[in-house]
Amino acid sequence: MKKFAFEISATPRGTVVTVHGDIGMLETGSFDRELKTVIAARPGLVAMDLSNVGMLGSSAMGMLVAFRREISKGGGKVRLAAVHPLVLEALKRALFHRLFEFYDTVDSALAAPVATA
């Protein structure tokens, strides 16, 4: 199991959130605190790099949905990028493709146009 770490970096195109390690029950408290830090900054676009996450537990999945909802309330958008294949399969089974846009890379997530309603 990889040790959990969370990095936030602001770029001219949006905020990049890079998550490292597996997110099981022991990591959910830290994950939740870090997500709330991002929400407080009210970013317009978040590209979440999940390339180094090998496992995402159901509680963490729920936190991602709540994170998306809170970012959306402020007019922002959350995109998932470079998702590890095993995690991607779990997210697709949980119908996350209905809530999130998935991108192969962080750069493509940041570069894609933001749809207007």
Protein backbone atom coordinates (compact mmCIF):
# COMPACT_ATOMS: atom_id res chain seq x y z
CA MET A 1 0.00 0.00 0.00
CA LYS A 2 1.32 3.41 -0.99
CA LYS A 3 1.41 6.16 1.64
CA PHE A 4 -1.29 8.81 1.20
CA ALA A 5 -0.20 12.28 0.10
CA PHE A 6 -2.07 15.23 -1.38
CA GLU A 7 -0.61 18.15 -3.35
CA ILE A 8 -2.40 21.29 -4.49
CA SER A 9 -0.90 23.55 -7.13
CA ALA A 10 -2.44 26.57 -8.81
CA THR A 11 -1.80 27.02 -12.52
CA PRO A 12 -3.05 29.73 -14.88
CA ARG A 13 -5.59 27.26 -16.32
CA GLY A 14 -6.85 25.79 -13.04
CA THR A 15 -6.00 24.04 -9.80
CA VAL A 16 -4.21 20.71 -10.00
CA VAL A 17 -4.83 18.30 -7.15
CA THR A 18 -2.42 15.37 -7.16
CA VAL A 19 -3.28 12.44 -4.94
CA HIS A 20 -0.76 9.74 -4.06
CA GLY A 21 -1.43 6.41 -2.38
CA ASP A 22 -4.42 4.26 -1.67
CA ILE A 23 -7.46 5.88 -0.06
CA GLY A 24 -9.09 3.39 2.26
CA MET A 25 -10.82 3.86 5.60
CA LEU A 26 -7.65 4.99 7.38
CA GLU A 27 -7.01 7.77 4.88
CA THR A 28 -10.53 9.19 4.55
CA GLY A 29 -10.11 11.75 7.35
CA SER A 30 -7.01 13.22 5.72
CA PHE A 31 -8.60 13.05 2.28
CA ASP A 32 -11.70 14.90 3.51
CA ARG A 33 -9.63 17.65 5.17
CA GLU A 34 -7.57 18.17 2.02
CA LEU A 35 -10.67 18.33 -0.18
CA LYS A 36 -12.18 20.96 2.12
CA THR A 37 -9.00 23.04 1.73
CA VAL A 38 -9.51 23.03 -2.03
CA ILE A 39 -13.22 23.89 -1.68
CA ALA A 40 -12.35 26.88 0.52
CA ALA A 41 -10.17 28.32 -2.27
CA ARG A 42 -13.21 28.32 -4.62
CA PRO A 43 -11.35 27.24 -7.77
CA GLY A 44 -13.01 27.56 -11.18
CA LEU A 45 -11.49 24.35 -12.48
CA VAL A 46 -9.95 21.41 -10.62
CA ALA A 47 -8.00 18.74 -12.45
CA MET A 48 -7.54 15.83 -10.05
CA ASP A 49 -4.57 13.62 -10.92
CA LEU A 50 -5.35 10.07 -9.75
CA SER A 51 -2.49 8.35 -11.59
CA ASN A 52 -0.82 7.32 -8.33
CA VAL A 53 -3.97 6.06 -6.59
CA GLY A 54 -4.24 2.27 -6.77
CA MET A 55 -7.35 1.90 -4.62
CA LEU A 56 -10.25 4.21 -3.81
CA GLY A 57 -12.64 3.01 -1.12
CA SER A 58 -16.36 3.64 -1.16
CA SER A 59 -16.13 6.37 1.50
CA ALA A 60 -13.54 8.20 -0.60
CA MET A 61 -15.80 7.85 -3.64
CA GLY A 62 -18.59 9.49 -1.68
CA MET A 63 -16.24 12.30 -0.71
CA LEU A 64 -15.40 12.87 -4.38
CA VAL A 65 -19.10 13.22 -5.19
CA ALA A 66 -19.56 15.71 -2.31
CA PHE A 67 -16.41 17.56 -3.44
CA ARG A 68 -17.80 17.88 -6.97
CA ARG A 69 -21.12 19.14 -5.61
CA GLU A 70 -19.42 21.82 -3.48
CA ILE A 71 -17.11 22.98 -6.27
CA SER A 72 -20.12 23.14 -8.63
CA LYS A 73 -22.06 25.30 -6.16
CA GLY A 74 -19.35 27.92 -6.57
CA GLY A 75 -19.55 27.67 -10.36
CA GLY A 76 -16.49 25.44 -10.64
CA LYS A 77 -15.79 22.18 -12.44
CA VAL A 78 -13.96 19.00 -11.37
CA ARG A 79 -12.22 16.78 -13.91
CA LEU A 80 -10.54 13.47 -13.14
CA ALA A 81 -7.25 12.87 -14.92
CA ALA A 82 -4.83 10.01 -15.53
CA VAL A 83 -6.93 7.63 -13.45
CA HIS A 84 -5.22 4.32 -12.69
CA PRO A 85 -6.96 1.56 -14.74
CA LEU A 86 -8.18 -0.39 -11.68
CA VAL A 87 -9.58 2.75 -10.08
CA LEU A 88 -11.14 3.80 -13.39
CA GLU A 89 -12.94 0.47 -13.65
CA ALA A 90 -14.33 0.86 -10.11
CA LEU A 91 -15.46 4.42 -10.82
CA LYS A 92 -17.17 3.38 -14.03
CA ARG A 93 -19.00 0.58 -12.20
CA ALA A 94 -20.14 3.21 -9.70
CA LEU A 95 -21.44 5.31 -12.65
CA PHE A 96 -18.99 8.16 -12.04
CA HIS A 97 -18.84 8.78 -15.79
CA ARG A 98 -22.28 10.35 -15.35
CA LEU A 99 -20.91 12.91 -12.89
CA PHE A 100 -17.32 13.50 -13.92
CA GLU A 101 -15.34 14.08 -17.08
CA PHE A 102 -12.32 11.77 -17.41
CA TYR A 103 -9.11 12.77 -19.20
CA ASP A 104 -5.97 10.82 -20.06
CA THR A 105 -3.66 13.53 -18.72
CA VAL A 106 -3.77 16.51 -16.40
CA ASP A 107 -2.78 18.78 -19.27
CA SER A 108 -5.75 17.61 -21.37
CA ALA A 109 -8.08 18.10 -18.39
CA LEU A 110 -6.86 21.67 -18.00
CA ALA A 111 -6.90 22.43 -21.72
CA ALA A 112 -10.41 21.14 -22.55
CA PRO A 113 -12.98 23.88 -23.04
CA VAL A 114 -15.49 24.43 -20.27
CA ALA A 115 -19.03 23.86 -21.53
CA THR A 116 -21.54 26.57 -20.81
CA ALA A 117 -25.14 25.84 -19.89
